[in-house]
Amino acid sequence: MRLALAGLPIEVHCVVAGLGGRAITSASLERLLADGLAGRLPALTFLDLRADIVSRELARLAEGHRSGPHAENILRDVGVVASGAV
């Protein structure tokens, strides 16, 4: 798409969606288009991605923390997995 529009005064953004078979909802697409029209999209966008949580996990890696799988850490951060002993 980017190559086809090369040379035209059109801004192009990459969007990654449906990771891991996750459904792409109409609400997600509407929000994506609204953000695009409002000029709030970076060059690369991950649909429905919580950048703050991914950044936190990347910081853990940079600090040398390697306790548990990354997906479990992320799910714990969003409150899907219980943290600590039950």
C-alpha atoms as a PDB file:
ATOM      1  CA  MET A   1       0.000   0.000   0.000  1.00  0.00           C
ATOM      2  CA  ARG A   2       2.788   2.399   0.945  1.00  0.00           C
ATOM      3  CA  LEU A   3       4.560   1.760  -2.366  1.00  0.00           C
ATOM      4  CA  ALA A   4       1.355   2.244  -4.353  1.00  0.00           C
ATOM      5  CA  LEU A   5       0.812   5.636  -2.701  1.00  0.00           C
ATOM      6  CA  ALA A   6       4.444   6.763  -2.971  1.00  0.00           C
ATOM      7  CA  GLY A   7       4.751  10.265  -4.367  1.00  0.00           C
ATOM      8  CA  LEU A   8       1.210  11.246  -3.384  1.00  0.00           C
ATOM      9  CA  PRO A   9       0.528  13.731  -0.572  1.00  0.00           C
ATOM     10  CA  ILE A  10      -1.035  10.984   1.564  1.00  0.00           C
ATOM     11  CA  GLU A  11       0.195  10.007   5.012  1.00  0.00           C
ATOM     12  CA  VAL A  12       0.386   6.217   5.469  1.00  0.00           C
ATOM     13  CA  HIS A  13       0.354   4.384   8.812  1.00  0.00           C
ATOM     14  CA  CYS A  14       1.019   0.703   9.505  1.00  0.00           C
ATOM     15  CA  VAL A  15      -1.486  -1.088  11.724  1.00  0.00           C
ATOM     16  CA  VAL A  16      -0.974  -4.519  13.264  1.00  0.00           C
ATOM     17  CA  ALA A  17      -4.233  -6.204  14.272  1.00  0.00           C
ATOM     18  CA  GLY A  18      -5.625  -9.620  15.078  1.00  0.00           C
ATOM     19  CA  LEU A  19      -2.523 -10.844  16.934  1.00  0.00           C
ATOM     20  CA  GLY A  20      -2.891 -14.399  18.194  1.00  0.00           C
ATOM     21  CA  GLY A  21      -6.228 -14.770  16.450  1.00  0.00           C
ATOM     22  CA  ARG A  22      -7.742 -11.944  18.464  1.00  0.00           C
ATOM     23  CA  ALA A  23     -10.940 -10.598  16.950  1.00  0.00           C
ATOM     24  CA  ILE A  24     -10.897  -7.207  15.256  1.00  0.00           C
ATOM     25  CA  THR A  25     -14.025  -5.413  16.418  1.00  0.00           C
ATOM     26  CA  SER A  26     -15.950  -2.696  14.653  1.00  0.00           C
ATOM     27  CA  ALA A  27     -15.382  -0.478  17.713  1.00  0.00           C
ATOM     28  CA  SER A  28     -11.605  -0.937  17.337  1.00  0.00           C
ATOM     29  CA  LEU A  29     -11.745  -0.018  13.652  1.00  0.00           C
ATOM     30  CA  GLU A  30     -13.935   3.018  14.346  1.00  0.00           C
ATOM     31  CA  ARG A  31     -11.485   4.233  17.020  1.00  0.00           C
ATOM     32  CA  LEU A  32      -8.557   3.623  14.645  1.00  0.00           C
ATOM     33  CA  LEU A  33     -10.173   5.669  11.875  1.00  0.00           C
ATOM     34  CA  ALA A  34     -11.160   8.455  14.289  1.00  0.00           C
ATOM     35  CA  ASP A  35      -7.587   8.628  15.633  1.00  0.00           C
ATOM     36  CA  GLY A  36      -6.242   8.677  12.080  1.00  0.00           C
ATOM     37  CA  LEU A  37      -8.548  11.483  11.022  1.00  0.00           C
ATOM     38  CA  ALA A  38      -7.623  13.442  14.149  1.00  0.00           C
ATOM     39  CA  GLY A  39      -3.894  13.009  13.428  1.00  0.00           C
ATOM     40  CA  ARG A  40      -3.239  10.992  16.589  1.00  0.00           C
ATOM     41  CA  LEU A  41      -1.600   7.911  15.004  1.00  0.00           C
ATOM     42  CA  PRO A  42       2.122   7.175  15.119  1.00  0.00           C
ATOM     43  CA  ALA A  43       3.776   5.627  12.040  1.00  0.00           C
ATOM     44  CA  LEU A  44       3.193   2.127  13.487  1.00  0.00           C
ATOM     45  CA  THR A  45       0.056   1.294  15.433  1.00  0.00           C
ATOM     46  CA  PHE A  46      -0.962  -1.891  17.213  1.00  0.00           C
ATOM     47  CA  LEU A  47      -4.736  -2.079  17.378  1.00  0.00           C
ATOM     48  CA  ASP A  48      -5.960  -2.419  20.999  1.00  0.00           C
ATOM     49  CA  LEU A  49      -2.417  -2.668  22.395  1.00  0.00           C
ATOM     50  CA  ARG A  50      -1.759  -1.234  25.847  1.00  0.00           C
ATOM     51  CA  ALA A  51       1.612   0.363  25.182  1.00  0.00           C
ATOM     52  CA  ASP A  52       2.119   1.145  28.889  1.00  0.00           C
ATOM     53  CA  ILE A  53       1.941  -2.534  29.814  1.00  0.00           C
ATOM     54  CA  VAL A  54       4.257  -3.645  27.020  1.00  0.00           C
ATOM     55  CA  SER A  55       6.710  -0.887  27.999  1.00  0.00           C
ATOM     56  CA  ARG A  56       6.643  -2.121  31.598  1.00  0.00           C
ATOM     57  CA  GLU A  57       7.521  -5.661  30.465  1.00  0.00           C
ATOM     58  CA  LEU A  58      10.327  -4.358  28.234  1.00  0.00           C
ATOM     59  CA  ALA A  59      11.687  -2.426  31.237  1.00  0.00           C
ATOM     60  CA  ARG A  60      11.643  -5.661  33.269  1.00  0.00           C
ATOM     61  CA  LEU A  61      13.714  -7.307  30.556  1.00  0.00           C
ATOM     62  CA  ALA A  62      16.174  -4.419  30.453  1.00  0.00           C
ATOM     63  CA  GLU A  63      16.641  -4.697  34.234  1.00  0.00           C
ATOM     64  CA  GLY A  64      17.403  -8.412  33.920  1.00  0.00           C
ATOM     65  CA  HIS A  65      14.151  -9.658  35.447  1.00  0.00           C
ATOM     66  CA  ARG A  66      13.265 -12.933  33.824  1.00  0.00           C
ATOM     67  CA  SER A  67      10.799 -14.383  36.302  1.00  0.00           C
ATOM     68  CA  GLY A  68       7.996 -16.167  34.484  1.00  0.00           C
ATOM     69  CA  PRO A  69       6.829 -15.975  30.901  1.00  0.00           C
ATOM     70  CA  HIS A  70       6.321 -12.536  29.431  1.00  0.00           C
ATOM     71  CA  ALA A  71       2.699 -13.176  28.524  1.00  0.00           C
ATOM     72  CA  GLU A  72       1.954 -14.115  32.145  1.00  0.00           C
ATOM     73  CA  ASN A  73       3.612 -10.917  33.393  1.00  0.00           C
ATOM     74  CA  ILE A  74       1.538  -8.835  30.976  1.00  0.00           C
ATOM     75  CA  LEU A  75      -1.689 -10.619  31.950  1.00  0.00           C
ATOM     76  CA  ARG A  76      -0.841 -10.058  35.617  1.00  0.00           C
ATOM     77  CA  ASP A  77      -0.381  -6.346  34.913  1.00  0.00           C
ATOM     78  CA  VAL A  78      -3.862  -6.087  33.374  1.00  0.00           C
ATOM     79  CA  GLY A  79      -5.340  -8.081  36.269  1.00  0.00           C
ATOM     80  CA  VAL A  80      -6.200 -11.288  34.411  1.00  0.00           C
ATOM     81  CA  VAL A  81      -3.764 -13.491  36.356  1.00  0.00           C
ATOM     82  CA  ALA A  82      -3.590 -13.435  40.141  1.00  0.00           C
ATOM     83  CA  SER A  83      -0.308 -12.110  41.477  1.00  0.00           C
ATOM     84  CA  GLY A  84       1.151 -13.970  44.431  1.00  0.00           C
ATOM     85  CA  ALA A  85       0.033 -17.086  46.263  1.00  0.00           C
ATOM     86  CA  VAL A  86      -3.650 -17.920  46.333  1.00  0.00           C
END
